[in-house]
Amino acid sequence: VVLLKDGQEVKRQTVRVNDPLRYEGLTFYQAFFGASTAMTVKDKDGNVVLQSAGVPLAYETDEGRKFGIFAIPGTGYNAEITGTRGGTDPEIKPGQVGIGIYASGQSTFADSKVIDQGKPTQVGDLTVTFEREGQCTGLNVARDPGVPLIWIGSFLLLAGFVVRFMVPHKR
């Protein structure tokens, strides 16, 4: 992760599960690690509206397929990308993704297709290309000014236990 402030790099660190990045009271935690897809989308005139955007497959369907959602700029559409469950998946084979597009504010697909990697495919009035599979990480950013109070409370609780069990009880 590279932090920029006013266009200048202020900190750089590899963020891992138990090794968060801390900067000026903010803590950047790794929340998840998973698959993503790189997509290119062209509008009906052939203009690129989304170039190799990495879409994290951060959610899971009831059938066990990973999926991700993204907005397609300038079109009024959102898209849902669905990955495969593996070699035994009868609907989406390895090297393919499912894509469904829907108008913003709607809940049903205007069009949906299963597309092959590297093959431009017409979905509605858009041309979508599944470029490649990738990996992504999700970050949580937190500012918690109460952390010192938690540590103080924990220490007092532990000290109370030590005193209670180490000092003999007198009658």
N, C-alpha and C. Protein backbone atom coordinates (compact mmCIF):
# COMPACT_ATOMS: atom_id res chain seq x y z
N VAL A 1 0.86 -1.16 0.00
CA VAL A 1 0.00 0.00 0.00
C VAL A 1 0.90 1.22 0.00
N VAL A 2 0.58 2.18 -0.85
CA VAL A 2 1.33 3.43 -0.91
C VAL A 2 0.36 4.55 -0.53
N LEU A 3 0.74 5.34 0.50
CA LEU A 3 -0.07 6.47 0.93
C LEU A 3 0.50 7.74 0.32
N LEU A 4 -0.37 8.53 -0.27
CA LEU A 4 0.02 9.81 -0.84
C LEU A 4 -0.69 10.92 -0.08
N LYS A 5 0.01 12.00 0.17
CA LYS A 5 -0.57 13.18 0.79
C LYS A 5 -0.15 14.38 -0.04
N ASP A 6 -1.12 15.09 -0.59
CA ASP A 6 -0.85 16.21 -1.49
C ASP A 6 0.04 15.79 -2.65
N GLY A 7 -0.18 14.57 -3.18
CA GLY A 7 0.56 14.07 -4.32
C GLY A 7 1.94 13.53 -4.01
N GLN A 8 2.35 13.57 -2.74
CA GLN A 8 3.68 13.08 -2.35
C GLN A 8 3.53 11.81 -1.54
N GLU A 9 4.40 10.85 -1.81
CA GLU A 9 4.40 9.60 -1.05
C GLU A 9 4.84 9.87 0.39
N VAL A 10 3.99 9.43 1.35
CA VAL A 10 4.33 9.62 2.76
C VAL A 10 4.65 8.31 3.47
N LYS A 11 4.14 7.20 2.94
CA LYS A 11 4.43 5.91 3.57
C LYS A 11 4.14 4.80 2.57
N ARG A 12 4.94 3.73 2.69
CA ARG A 12 4.79 2.56 1.84
C ARG A 12 5.01 1.33 2.71
N GLN A 13 4.11 0.33 2.59
CA GLN A 13 4.26 -0.88 3.39
C GLN A 13 3.43 -2.00 2.76
N THR A 14 3.95 -3.22 2.89
CA THR A 14 3.17 -4.39 2.52
C THR A 14 2.25 -4.70 3.70
N VAL A 15 0.93 -4.65 3.46
CA VAL A 15 -0.05 -4.87 4.52
C VAL A 15 -0.43 -6.34 4.51
N ARG A 16 -0.30 -6.96 5.67
CA ARG A 16 -0.68 -8.36 5.84
C ARG A 16 -1.70 -8.44 6.96
N VAL A 17 -2.27 -9.63 7.15
CA VAL A 17 -3.35 -9.80 8.12
C VAL A 17 -2.96 -9.29 9.50
N ASN A 18 -1.82 -9.67 10.03
CA ASN A 18 -1.41 -9.25 11.37
C ASN A 18 -0.35 -8.16 11.35
N ASP A 19 -0.24 -7.45 10.25
CA ASP A 19 0.75 -6.40 10.12
C ASP A 19 0.13 -5.20 9.39
N PRO A 20 -0.75 -4.44 10.10
CA PRO A 20 -1.42 -3.32 9.45
C PRO A 20 -0.48 -2.13 9.26
N LEU A 21 -0.87 -1.24 8.37
CA LEU A 21 -0.15 0.01 8.14
C LEU A 21 -0.77 1.07 9.04
N ARG A 22 0.05 1.80 9.79
CA ARG A 22 -0.43 2.86 10.66
C ARG A 22 0.17 4.19 10.21
N TYR A 23 -0.71 5.21 10.15
CA TYR A 23 -0.25 6.54 9.74
C TYR A 23 -1.19 7.59 10.31
N GLU A 24 -0.66 8.49 11.09
CA GLU A 24 -1.39 9.63 11.66
C GLU A 24 -2.74 9.23 12.27
N GLY A 25 -2.75 8.21 13.10
CA GLY A 25 -3.96 7.80 13.79
C GLY A 25 -4.88 6.90 12.98
N LEU A 26 -4.55 6.63 11.72
CA LEU A 26 -5.34 5.71 10.90
C LEU A 26 -4.62 4.37 10.84
N THR A 27 -5.42 3.31 10.81
CA THR A 27 -4.86 1.97 10.68
C THR A 27 -5.50 1.30 9.48
N PHE A 28 -4.68 0.78 8.58
CA PHE A 28 -5.15 0.10 7.38
C PHE A 28 -4.96 -1.39 7.59
N TYR A 29 -6.08 -2.12 7.74
CA TYR A 29 -6.06 -3.56 7.99
C TYR A 29 -6.40 -4.31 6.71
N GLN A 30 -5.76 -5.45 6.48
CA GLN A 30 -6.20 -6.32 5.39
C GLN A 30 -7.44 -7.07 5.87
N ALA A 31 -8.55 -6.89 5.15
CA ALA A 31 -9.82 -7.51 5.54
C ALA A 31 -10.04 -8.84 4.84
N PHE A 32 -9.65 -8.93 3.56
CA PHE A 32 -9.82 -10.17 2.83
C PHE A 32 -8.86 -10.20 1.66
N PHE A 33 -8.71 -11.39 1.11
CA PHE A 33 -7.85 -11.61 -0.05
C PHE A 33 -8.62 -12.55 -0.97
N GLY A 34 -8.69 -12.25 -2.24
CA GLY A 34 -9.47 -13.12 -3.10
C GLY A 34 -9.23 -12.88 -4.57
N ALA A 35 -10.12 -13.44 -5.37
CA ALA A 35 -10.02 -13.37 -6.83
C ALA A 35 -10.63 -12.08 -7.35
N SER A 36 -10.15 -11.68 -8.51
CA SER A 36 -10.71 -10.52 -9.21
C SER A 36 -10.67 -10.79 -10.71
N THR A 37 -11.36 -9.96 -11.45
CA THR A 37 -11.35 -10.07 -12.91
C THR A 37 -11.01 -8.71 -13.49
N ALA A 38 -10.27 -8.69 -14.57
CA ALA A 38 -9.99 -7.45 -15.29
C ALA A 38 -10.92 -7.40 -16.49
N MET A 39 -11.68 -6.30 -16.59
CA MET A 39 -12.70 -6.16 -17.62
C MET A 39 -12.45 -4.89 -18.43
N THR A 40 -12.77 -4.94 -19.72
CA THR A 40 -12.79 -3.74 -20.56
C THR A 40 -14.20 -3.64 -21.14
N VAL A 41 -14.77 -2.44 -21.08
CA VAL A 41 -16.13 -2.22 -21.57
C VAL A 41 -16.13 -1.07 -22.56
N LYS A 42 -16.78 -1.29 -23.71
CA LYS A 42 -16.94 -0.25 -24.73
C LYS A 42 -18.43 0.04 -24.89
N ASP A 43 -18.74 1.32 -25.14
CA ASP A 43 -20.14 1.68 -25.35
C ASP A 43 -20.57 1.33 -26.77
N LYS A 44 -21.81 1.67 -27.12
CA LYS A 44 -22.34 1.28 -28.44
C LYS A 44 -21.61 1.93 -29.59
N ASP A 45 -20.89 3.07 -29.33
CA ASP A 45 -20.11 3.74 -30.37
C ASP A 45 -18.68 3.23 -30.46
N GLY A 46 -18.32 2.27 -29.61
CA GLY A 46 -16.97 1.71 -29.62
C GLY A 46 -15.99 2.45 -28.74
N ASN A 47 -16.46 3.45 -27.98
CA ASN A 47 -15.57 4.18 -27.08
C ASN A 47 -15.35 3.37 -25.80
N VAL A 48 -14.10 3.32 -25.35
CA VAL A 48 -13.78 2.60 -24.13
C VAL A 48 -14.29 3.42 -22.94
N VAL A 49 -15.20 2.84 -22.15
CA VAL A 49 -15.71 3.52 -20.96
C VAL A 49 -15.11 2.94 -19.69
N LEU A 50 -14.51 1.77 -19.79
CA LEU A 50 -13.86 1.14 -18.64
C LEU A 50 -12.72 0.29 -19.19
N GLN A 51 -11.48 0.61 -18.77
CA GLN A 51 -10.31 -0.08 -19.30
C GLN A 51 -9.65 -0.96 -18.25
N SER A 52 -9.69 -2.25 -18.45
CA SER A 52 -9.01 -3.23 -17.59
C SER A 52 -9.26 -2.98 -16.10
N ALA A 53 -10.49 -2.69 -15.77
CA ALA A 53 -10.84 -2.46 -14.37
C ALA A 53 -10.81 -3.77 -13.61
N GLY A 54 -10.13 -3.79 -12.49
CA GLY A 54 -10.11 -4.97 -11.63
C GLY A 54 -11.37 -5.00 -10.79
N VAL A 55 -12.15 -6.04 -10.94
CA VAL A 55 -13.39 -6.18 -10.18
C VAL A 55 -13.20 -7.29 -9.16
N PRO A 56 -13.18 -6.95 -7.86
CA PRO A 56 -13.03 -8.00 -6.85
C PRO A 56 -14.27 -8.87 -6.77
N LEU A 57 -14.07 -10.18 -6.75
CA LEU A 57 -15.18 -11.11 -6.58
C LEU A 57 -15.32 -11.35 -5.08
N ALA A 58 -15.91 -10.37 -4.40
CA ALA A 58 -15.90 -10.32 -2.94
C ALA A 58 -17.15 -10.93 -2.30
N TYR A 59 -18.13 -11.28 -3.09
CA TYR A 59 -19.38 -11.83 -2.55
C TYR A 59 -19.56 -13.26 -3.03
N GLU A 60 -20.50 -13.98 -2.44
CA GLU A 60 -20.72 -15.38 -2.82
C GLU A 60 -22.22 -15.65 -2.99
N THR A 61 -22.57 -16.35 -4.06
CA THR A 61 -23.96 -16.72 -4.31
C THR A 61 -24.33 -17.94 -3.46
N ASP A 62 -25.63 -18.27 -3.45
CA ASP A 62 -26.08 -19.46 -2.72
C ASP A 62 -25.49 -20.74 -3.31
N GLU A 63 -25.14 -20.71 -4.60
CA GLU A 63 -24.56 -21.88 -5.26
C GLU A 63 -23.05 -22.00 -5.05
N GLY A 64 -22.44 -21.03 -4.37
CA GLY A 64 -21.01 -21.09 -4.10
C GLY A 64 -20.14 -20.39 -5.13
N ARG A 65 -20.73 -19.62 -6.03
CA ARG A 65 -19.94 -18.87 -7.01
C ARG A 65 -19.59 -17.50 -6.42
N LYS A 66 -18.38 -17.06 -6.66
CA LYS A 66 -17.96 -15.72 -6.26
C LYS A 66 -18.44 -14.72 -7.30
N PHE A 67 -18.83 -13.52 -6.84
CA PHE A 67 -19.23 -12.48 -7.77
C PHE A 67 -18.87 -11.10 -7.25
N GLY A 68 -18.83 -10.15 -8.17
CA GLY A 68 -18.53 -8.76 -7.84
C GLY A 68 -19.44 -7.84 -8.64
N ILE A 69 -19.61 -6.63 -8.16
CA ILE A 69 -20.50 -5.65 -8.79
C ILE A 69 -19.69 -4.38 -9.05
N PHE A 70 -19.94 -3.76 -10.22
CA PHE A 70 -19.28 -2.49 -10.51
C PHE A 70 -20.18 -1.63 -11.38
N ALA A 71 -19.97 -0.31 -11.30
CA ALA A 71 -20.71 0.64 -12.13
C ALA A 71 -19.94 0.85 -13.43
N ILE A 72 -20.68 1.01 -14.51
CA ILE A 72 -20.05 1.27 -15.81
C ILE A 72 -20.23 2.76 -16.09
N PRO A 73 -19.15 3.54 -16.01
CA PRO A 73 -19.24 5.00 -16.11
C PRO A 73 -19.88 5.48 -17.41
N GLY A 74 -20.73 6.49 -17.29
CA GLY A 74 -21.32 7.14 -18.46
C GLY A 74 -22.40 6.36 -19.18
N THR A 75 -22.81 5.20 -18.65
CA THR A 75 -23.80 4.39 -19.36
C THR A 75 -25.11 4.25 -18.61
N GLY A 76 -25.11 4.52 -17.32
CA GLY A 76 -26.31 4.29 -16.52
C GLY A 76 -26.52 2.83 -16.15
N TYR A 77 -25.51 2.00 -16.44
CA TYR A 77 -25.59 0.57 -16.12
C TYR A 77 -24.67 0.20 -14.97
N ASN A 78 -25.06 -0.84 -14.27
CA ASN A 78 -24.19 -1.54 -13.33
C ASN A 78 -24.02 -2.94 -13.89
N ALA A 79 -22.96 -3.61 -13.47
CA ALA A 79 -22.71 -4.97 -13.95
C ALA A 79 -22.38 -5.88 -12.78
N GLU A 80 -22.77 -7.13 -12.93
CA GLU A 80 -22.43 -8.16 -11.95
C GLU A 80 -21.60 -9.21 -12.68
N ILE A 81 -20.40 -9.45 -12.15
CA ILE A 81 -19.49 -10.44 -12.73
C ILE A 81 -19.52 -11.68 -11.83
N THR A 82 -19.72 -12.84 -12.41
CA THR A 82 -19.78 -14.08 -11.64
C THR A 82 -18.70 -15.03 -12.14
N GLY A 83 -17.93 -15.55 -11.20
CA GLY A 83 -16.87 -16.49 -11.54
C GLY A 83 -17.35 -17.93 -11.50
N THR A 84 -16.46 -18.83 -11.85
CA THR A 84 -16.77 -20.26 -11.88
C THR A 84 -16.59 -20.89 -10.51
N ARG A 85 -17.22 -22.04 -10.32
CA ARG A 85 -16.98 -22.84 -9.12
C ARG A 85 -15.84 -23.82 -9.34
N GLY A 86 -15.35 -23.90 -10.54
CA GLY A 86 -14.25 -24.82 -10.85
C GLY A 86 -14.58 -25.71 -12.03
N GLY A 87 -13.78 -26.78 -12.22
CA GLY A 87 -13.90 -27.66 -13.37
C GLY A 87 -15.21 -28.41 -13.47
N THR A 88 -15.94 -28.55 -12.38
CA THR A 88 -17.21 -29.29 -12.42
C THR A 88 -18.42 -28.37 -12.58
N ASP A 89 -18.21 -27.07 -12.76
CA ASP A 89 -19.31 -26.13 -12.90
C ASP A 89 -19.94 -26.28 -14.28
N PRO A 90 -21.23 -26.64 -14.38
CA PRO A 90 -21.84 -26.86 -15.68
C PRO A 90 -22.19 -25.56 -16.42
N GLU A 91 -22.26 -24.43 -15.71
CA GLU A 91 -22.69 -23.19 -16.35
C GLU A 91 -21.54 -22.28 -16.76
N ILE A 92 -20.57 -22.09 -15.87
CA ILE A 92 -19.44 -21.20 -16.13
C ILE A 92 -18.16 -22.02 -16.01
N LYS A 93 -17.52 -22.25 -17.13
CA LYS A 93 -16.30 -23.06 -17.17
C LYS A 93 -15.08 -22.24 -16.76
N PRO A 94 -13.99 -22.89 -16.35
CA PRO A 94 -12.74 -22.15 -16.12
C PRO A 94 -12.36 -21.39 -17.39
N GLY A 95 -11.90 -20.15 -17.22
CA GLY A 95 -11.60 -19.30 -18.37
C GLY A 95 -12.79 -18.50 -18.84
N GLN A 96 -13.90 -18.57 -18.12
CA GLN A 96 -15.11 -17.82 -18.46
C GLN A 96 -15.60 -17.07 -17.22
N VAL A 97 -16.41 -16.06 -17.45
CA VAL A 97 -17.16 -15.39 -16.39
C VAL A 97 -18.56 -15.14 -16.90
N GLY A 98 -19.48 -15.06 -15.96
CA GLY A 98 -20.83 -14.64 -16.30
C GLY A 98 -20.93 -13.15 -16.06
N ILE A 99 -21.63 -12.44 -16.93
CA ILE A 99 -21.85 -11.01 -16.72
C ILE A 99 -23.32 -10.71 -16.95
N GLY A 100 -23.86 -9.93 -16.05
CA GLY A 100 -25.23 -9.44 -16.20
C GLY A 100 -25.20 -7.94 -16.02
N ILE A 101 -25.88 -7.22 -16.91
CA ILE A 101 -25.95 -5.76 -16.77
C ILE A 101 -27.38 -5.37 -16.43
N TYR A 102 -27.50 -4.33 -15.64
CA TYR A 102 -28.82 -3.83 -15.26
C TYR A 102 -28.74 -2.32 -15.10
N ALA A 103 -29.86 -1.67 -15.37
CA ALA A 103 -29.91 -0.22 -15.23
C ALA A 103 -29.80 0.15 -13.75
N SER A 104 -29.14 1.25 -13.47
CA SER A 104 -29.00 1.70 -12.08
C SER A 104 -30.39 1.85 -11.47
N GLY A 105 -30.55 1.32 -10.26
CA GLY A 105 -31.83 1.38 -9.57
C GLY A 105 -32.75 0.21 -9.87
N GLN A 106 -32.38 -0.65 -10.82
CA GLN A 106 -33.19 -1.82 -11.16
C GLN A 106 -32.60 -3.06 -10.49
N SER A 107 -33.40 -4.10 -10.39
CA SER A 107 -32.91 -5.32 -9.75
C SER A 107 -32.89 -6.52 -10.70
N THR A 108 -33.36 -6.36 -11.92
CA THR A 108 -33.33 -7.46 -12.89
C THR A 108 -32.37 -7.11 -14.03
N PHE A 109 -31.72 -8.15 -14.56
CA PHE A 109 -30.76 -7.95 -15.64
C PHE A 109 -31.45 -7.52 -16.93
N ALA A 110 -30.87 -6.52 -17.60
CA ALA A 110 -31.31 -6.15 -18.94
C ALA A 110 -30.79 -7.18 -19.94
N ASP A 111 -29.60 -7.72 -19.67
CA ASP A 111 -29.01 -8.76 -20.50
C ASP A 111 -27.94 -9.47 -19.68
N SER A 112 -27.72 -10.74 -19.96
CA SER A 112 -26.66 -11.48 -19.29
C SER A 112 -26.10 -12.52 -20.23
N LYS A 113 -24.79 -12.78 -20.09
CA LYS A 113 -24.10 -13.75 -20.94
C LYS A 113 -22.97 -14.39 -20.16
N VAL A 114 -22.49 -15.52 -20.66
CA VAL A 114 -21.25 -16.14 -20.20
C VAL A 114 -20.23 -15.83 -21.29
N ILE A 115 -19.11 -15.22 -20.90
CA ILE A 115 -18.13 -14.81 -21.91
C ILE A 115 -16.79 -15.48 -21.66
N ASP A 116 -16.07 -15.72 -22.75
CA ASP A 116 -14.75 -16.35 -22.70
C ASP A 116 -13.68 -15.29 -22.52
N GLN A 117 -12.58 -15.68 -21.89
CA GLN A 117 -11.47 -14.77 -21.68
C GLN A 117 -10.89 -14.32 -23.01
N GLY A 118 -10.68 -12.99 -23.14
CA GLY A 118 -10.06 -12.42 -24.33
C GLY A 118 -10.97 -12.27 -25.53
N LYS A 119 -12.24 -12.64 -25.42
CA LYS A 119 -13.16 -12.57 -26.56
C LYS A 119 -14.20 -11.47 -26.33
N PRO A 120 -14.13 -10.36 -27.10
CA PRO A 120 -15.13 -9.30 -26.96
C PRO A 120 -16.54 -9.85 -27.24
N THR A 121 -17.48 -9.54 -26.35
CA THR A 121 -18.83 -10.09 -26.44
C THR A 121 -19.84 -8.97 -26.27
N GLN A 122 -20.88 -8.98 -27.11
CA GLN A 122 -21.94 -7.99 -27.02
C GLN A 122 -22.89 -8.37 -25.88
N VAL A 123 -23.01 -7.47 -24.89
CA VAL A 123 -23.94 -7.65 -23.77
C VAL A 123 -24.79 -6.40 -23.72
N GLY A 124 -26.06 -6.53 -24.13
CA GLY A 124 -26.90 -5.34 -24.29
C GLY A 124 -26.32 -4.50 -25.40
N ASP A 125 -26.18 -3.19 -25.16
CA ASP A 125 -25.57 -2.33 -26.18
C ASP A 125 -24.09 -2.03 -25.86
N LEU A 126 -23.50 -2.86 -25.02
CA LEU A 126 -22.09 -2.71 -24.65
C LEU A 126 -21.27 -3.88 -25.19
N THR A 127 -19.99 -3.64 -25.43
CA THR A 127 -19.06 -4.70 -25.80
C THR A 127 -18.14 -4.91 -24.61
N VAL A 128 -18.17 -6.12 -24.06
CA VAL A 128 -17.43 -6.44 -22.85
C VAL A 128 -16.36 -7.48 -23.16
N THR A 129 -15.16 -7.25 -22.64
CA THR A 129 -14.06 -8.20 -22.80
C THR A 129 -13.56 -8.58 -21.41
N PHE A 130 -13.55 -9.88 -21.15
CA PHE A 130 -12.95 -10.42 -19.92
C PHE A 130 -11.48 -10.59 -20.24
N GLU A 131 -10.63 -9.69 -19.70
CA GLU A 131 -9.21 -9.66 -20.04
C GLU A 131 -8.43 -10.78 -19.36
N ARG A 132 -8.59 -10.90 -18.04
CA ARG A 132 -7.81 -11.90 -17.31
C ARG A 132 -8.32 -12.02 -15.88
N GLU A 133 -7.92 -13.11 -15.24
CA GLU A 133 -8.19 -13.28 -13.81
C GLU A 133 -7.06 -12.64 -13.04
N GLY A 134 -7.34 -12.27 -11.81
CA GLY A 134 -6.31 -11.66 -10.98
C GLY A 134 -6.60 -11.91 -9.52
N GLN A 135 -5.88 -11.21 -8.70
CA GLN A 135 -6.08 -11.30 -7.25
C GLN A 135 -6.28 -9.90 -6.71
N CYS A 136 -6.99 -9.82 -5.59
CA CYS A 136 -7.22 -8.53 -4.97
C CYS A 136 -7.16 -8.68 -3.46
N THR A 137 -7.06 -7.56 -2.80
CA THR A 137 -7.14 -7.54 -1.35
C THR A 137 -8.09 -6.42 -0.95
N GLY A 138 -8.82 -6.64 0.11
CA GLY A 138 -9.73 -5.62 0.63
C GLY A 138 -9.14 -5.04 1.90
N LEU A 139 -9.26 -3.74 2.06
CA LEU A 139 -8.70 -3.06 3.22
C LEU A 139 -9.82 -2.43 4.05
N ASN A 140 -9.66 -2.47 5.36
CA ASN A 140 -10.49 -1.69 6.28
C ASN A 140 -9.61 -0.57 6.81
N VAL A 141 -10.17 0.62 6.85
CA VAL A 141 -9.44 1.76 7.39
C VAL A 141 -10.16 2.19 8.66
N ALA A 142 -9.41 2.28 9.75
CA ALA A 142 -10.04 2.59 11.04
C ALA A 142 -9.26 3.68 11.77
N ARG A 143 -10.02 4.52 12.46
CA ARG A 143 -9.46 5.48 13.40
C ARG A 143 -10.17 5.21 14.72
N ASP A 144 -9.44 4.69 15.70
CA ASP A 144 -10.05 4.32 16.96
C ASP A 144 -9.31 4.99 18.11
N PRO A 145 -9.79 6.18 18.54
CA PRO A 145 -9.10 6.88 19.62
C PRO A 145 -9.26 6.21 20.97
N GLY A 146 -10.14 5.22 21.10
CA GLY A 146 -10.37 4.54 22.37
C GLY A 146 -9.44 3.38 22.65
N VAL A 147 -8.53 3.06 21.75
CA VAL A 147 -7.63 1.91 21.93
C VAL A 147 -6.81 2.02 23.22
N PRO A 148 -6.24 3.18 23.57
CA PRO A 148 -5.48 3.24 24.83
C PRO A 148 -6.36 2.91 26.05
N LEU A 149 -7.61 3.31 26.04
CA LEU A 149 -8.50 2.98 27.16
C LEU A 149 -8.74 1.48 27.26
N ILE A 150 -8.86 0.81 26.13
CA ILE A 150 -9.03 -0.65 26.13
C ILE A 150 -7.80 -1.32 26.73
N TRP A 151 -6.60 -0.86 26.36
CA TRP A 151 -5.37 -1.44 26.91
C TRP A 151 -5.27 -1.21 28.42
N ILE A 152 -5.64 -0.01 28.86
CA ILE A 152 -5.60 0.29 30.30
C ILE A 152 -6.58 -0.61 31.05
N GLY A 153 -7.80 -0.74 30.51
CA GLY A 153 -8.80 -1.61 31.13
C GLY A 153 -8.35 -3.06 31.17
N SER A 154 -7.74 -3.53 30.12
CA SER A 154 -7.23 -4.91 30.08
C SER A 154 -6.15 -5.12 31.12
N PHE A 155 -5.24 -4.15 31.23
CA PHE A 155 -4.17 -4.26 32.24
C PHE A 155 -4.76 -4.29 33.65
N LEU A 156 -5.72 -3.41 33.94
CA LEU A 156 -6.33 -3.39 35.27
C LEU A 156 -7.06 -4.69 35.58
N LEU A 157 -7.74 -5.25 34.59
CA LEU A 157 -8.42 -6.53 34.77
C LEU A 157 -7.42 -7.64 35.10
N LEU A 158 -6.33 -7.70 34.34
CA LEU A 158 -5.29 -8.70 34.58
C LEU A 158 -4.65 -8.49 35.95
N ALA A 159 -4.36 -7.24 36.30
CA ALA A 159 -3.77 -6.95 37.60
C ALA A 159 -4.71 -7.38 38.72
N GLY A 160 -6.01 -7.19 38.55
CA GLY A 160 -6.99 -7.62 39.54
C GLY A 160 -6.97 -9.13 39.72
N PHE A 161 -6.88 -9.86 38.65
CA PHE A 161 -6.80 -11.33 38.74
C PHE A 161 -5.53 -11.76 39.46
N VAL A 162 -4.40 -11.14 39.12
CA VAL A 162 -3.13 -11.50 39.75
C VAL A 162 -3.20 -11.24 41.25
N VAL A 163 -3.71 -10.07 41.65
CA VAL A 163 -3.81 -9.76 43.07
C VAL A 163 -4.75 -10.73 43.76
N ARG A 164 -5.89 -11.03 43.16
CA ARG A 164 -6.87 -11.91 43.77
C ARG A 164 -6.33 -13.33 43.97
N PHE A 165 -5.61 -13.85 43.00
CA PHE A 165 -5.15 -15.23 43.09
C PHE A 165 -3.77 -15.39 43.73
N MET A 166 -3.00 -14.33 43.80
CA MET A 166 -1.65 -14.43 44.38
C MET A 166 -1.62 -14.04 45.86
N VAL A 167 -2.53 -13.20 46.29
CA VAL A 167 -2.56 -12.77 47.69
C VAL A 167 -3.47 -13.73 48.46
N PRO A 168 -2.98 -14.31 49.54
CA PRO A 168 -3.80 -15.27 50.26
C PRO A 168 -5.02 -14.59 50.92
N HIS A 169 -6.10 -15.31 50.96
CA HIS A 169 -7.35 -14.81 51.56
C HIS A 169 -7.28 -14.99 53.06
N LYS A 170 -7.56 -13.93 53.83
CA LYS A 170 -7.51 -14.00 55.29
C LYS A 170 -8.92 -13.99 55.85
N ARG A 171 -9.13 -14.78 56.91
CA ARG A 171 -10.45 -14.81 57.54
C ARG A 171 -10.49 -13.94 58.76
